[in-house]
Amino acid sequence: MLIFSRKTGEKIRVGDDIEIVVLEMKKGKVRLGINAPKKLAIHREEIYQKILEENRLAAASAVGQGMGLKDFTGQ
């Protein structure tokens, strides 16, 4: 893990096209702004975990209904 110390208004770059900006720090919270390509999905961790769980449930349901990988790929 790479750890940074930043002040309000300072930025962090990830590659050429992702910019993270510290917008505000108060009462133990940090507000961040993220500029990234629209095609890149950005989620809070708890939302990302819910998406993964929903995907697992959907895959298990599809397998339970007799659908295999070839049903999804058309092969």
C-alpha atoms as a PDB file:
ATOM      1  CA  MET A   1       0.000   0.000   0.000  1.00  0.00           C
ATOM      2  CA  LEU A   2       1.260   3.434  -0.915  1.00  0.00           C
ATOM      3  CA  ILE A   3       0.436   6.071   1.714  1.00  0.00           C
ATOM      4  CA  PHE A   4       0.224   9.810   1.033  1.00  0.00           C
ATOM      5  CA  SER A   5      -0.141  12.866   3.205  1.00  0.00           C
ATOM      6  CA  ARG A   6      -1.990  15.665   1.418  1.00  0.00           C
ATOM      7  CA  LYS A   7      -3.462  19.011   2.404  1.00  0.00           C
ATOM      8  CA  THR A   8      -6.753  20.473   1.204  1.00  0.00           C
ATOM      9  CA  GLY A   9      -6.463  21.350  -2.484  1.00  0.00           C
ATOM     10  CA  GLU A  10      -3.529  19.027  -3.117  1.00  0.00           C
ATOM     11  CA  LYS A  11      -3.788  16.246  -5.685  1.00  0.00           C
ATOM     12  CA  ILE A  12      -2.675  12.695  -6.338  1.00  0.00           C
ATOM     13  CA  ARG A  13      -2.283  11.323  -9.871  1.00  0.00           C
ATOM     14  CA  VAL A  14      -2.962   7.693 -10.826  1.00  0.00           C
ATOM     15  CA  GLY A  15      -1.597   7.100 -14.291  1.00  0.00           C
ATOM     16  CA  ASP A  16      -2.171   9.776 -16.911  1.00  0.00           C
ATOM     17  CA  ASP A  17      -5.922  10.193 -16.631  1.00  0.00           C
ATOM     18  CA  ILE A  18      -6.980   9.829 -12.982  1.00  0.00           C
ATOM     19  CA  GLU A  19      -6.719  12.717 -10.544  1.00  0.00           C
ATOM     20  CA  ILE A  20      -7.705  12.584  -6.863  1.00  0.00           C
ATOM     21  CA  VAL A  21      -8.164  15.933  -5.117  1.00  0.00           C
ATOM     22  CA  VAL A  22      -8.476  16.511  -1.366  1.00  0.00           C
ATOM     23  CA  LEU A  23     -11.481  18.842  -1.191  1.00  0.00           C
ATOM     24  CA  GLU A  24     -12.006  19.178   2.542  1.00  0.00           C
ATOM     25  CA  MET A  25     -10.917  17.752   5.878  1.00  0.00           C
ATOM     26  CA  LYS A  26     -12.938  18.248   9.057  1.00  0.00           C
ATOM     27  CA  LYS A  27     -14.146  16.307  12.084  1.00  0.00           C
ATOM     28  CA  GLY A  28     -12.241  13.162  11.124  1.00  0.00           C
ATOM     29  CA  LYS A  29     -13.605  13.035   7.574  1.00  0.00           C
ATOM     30  CA  VAL A  30     -11.926  13.669   4.263  1.00  0.00           C
ATOM     31  CA  ARG A  31     -13.860  14.708   1.146  1.00  0.00           C
ATOM     32  CA  LEU A  32     -12.202  13.614  -2.069  1.00  0.00           C
ATOM     33  CA  GLY A  33     -12.892  14.528  -5.674  1.00  0.00           C
ATOM     34  CA  ILE A  34     -11.988  12.056  -8.408  1.00  0.00           C
ATOM     35  CA  ASN A  35     -11.544  13.041 -12.041  1.00  0.00           C
ATOM     36  CA  ALA A  36     -11.410   9.926 -14.193  1.00  0.00           C
ATOM     37  CA  PRO A  37     -12.657   8.687 -17.574  1.00  0.00           C
ATOM     38  CA  LYS A  38     -16.426   8.034 -17.551  1.00  0.00           C
ATOM     39  CA  LYS A  39     -15.844   4.440 -18.675  1.00  0.00           C
ATOM     40  CA  LEU A  40     -14.030   3.737 -15.389  1.00  0.00           C
ATOM     41  CA  ALA A  41     -16.338   2.517 -12.616  1.00  0.00           C
ATOM     42  CA  ILE A  42     -15.638   4.137  -9.237  1.00  0.00           C
ATOM     43  CA  HIS A  43     -17.531   2.903  -6.162  1.00  0.00           C
ATOM     44  CA  ARG A  44     -17.341   3.204  -2.402  1.00  0.00           C
ATOM     45  CA  GLU A  45     -16.116  -0.094  -0.937  1.00  0.00           C
ATOM     46  CA  GLU A  46     -19.487  -1.059   0.588  1.00  0.00           C
ATOM     47  CA  ILE A  47     -21.255  -0.520  -2.758  1.00  0.00           C
ATOM     48  CA  TYR A  48     -18.564  -2.504  -4.596  1.00  0.00           C
ATOM     49  CA  GLN A  49     -19.048  -5.418  -2.170  1.00  0.00           C
ATOM     50  CA  LYS A  50     -22.830  -5.342  -2.772  1.00  0.00           C
ATOM     51  CA  ILE A  51     -22.254  -5.455  -6.538  1.00  0.00           C
ATOM     52  CA  LEU A  52     -19.962  -8.470  -6.131  1.00  0.00           C
ATOM     53  CA  GLU A  53     -22.531 -10.255  -3.965  1.00  0.00           C
ATOM     54  CA  GLU A  54     -25.336  -9.552  -6.457  1.00  0.00           C
ATOM     55  CA  ASN A  55     -23.130 -10.914  -9.254  1.00  0.00           C
ATOM     56  CA  ARG A  56     -22.412 -14.074  -7.219  1.00  0.00           C
ATOM     57  CA  LEU A  57     -26.130 -14.571  -6.549  1.00  0.00           C
ATOM     58  CA  ALA A  58     -27.020 -14.047 -10.213  1.00  0.00           C
ATOM     59  CA  ALA A  59     -24.346 -16.522 -11.337  1.00  0.00           C
ATOM     60  CA  ALA A  60     -25.497 -19.109  -8.779  1.00  0.00           C
ATOM     61  CA  SER A  61     -29.096 -18.650  -9.891  1.00  0.00           C
ATOM     62  CA  ALA A  62     -28.154 -19.097 -13.548  1.00  0.00           C
ATOM     63  CA  VAL A  63     -26.232 -22.291 -12.768  1.00  0.00           C
ATOM     64  CA  GLY A  64     -29.164 -23.513 -10.668  1.00  0.00           C
ATOM     65  CA  GLN A  65     -31.415 -23.019 -13.680  1.00  0.00           C
ATOM     66  CA  GLY A  66     -29.156 -25.213 -15.794  1.00  0.00           C
ATOM     67  CA  MET A  67     -27.398 -22.386 -17.602  1.00  0.00           C
ATOM     68  CA  GLY A  68     -23.707 -22.821 -18.204  1.00  0.00           C
ATOM     69  CA  LEU A  69     -21.025 -20.460 -19.436  1.00  0.00           C
ATOM     70  CA  LYS A  70     -21.793 -21.321 -23.047  1.00  0.00           C
ATOM     71  CA  ASP A  71     -25.327 -19.945 -22.569  1.00  0.00           C
ATOM     72  CA  PHE A  72     -23.840 -16.542 -21.805  1.00  0.00           C
ATOM     73  CA  THR A  73     -21.144 -16.553 -24.481  1.00  0.00           C
ATOM     74  CA  GLY A  74     -23.265 -17.995 -27.265  1.00  0.00           C
ATOM     75  CA  GLN A  75     -20.796 -20.839 -27.865  1.00  0.00           C
END
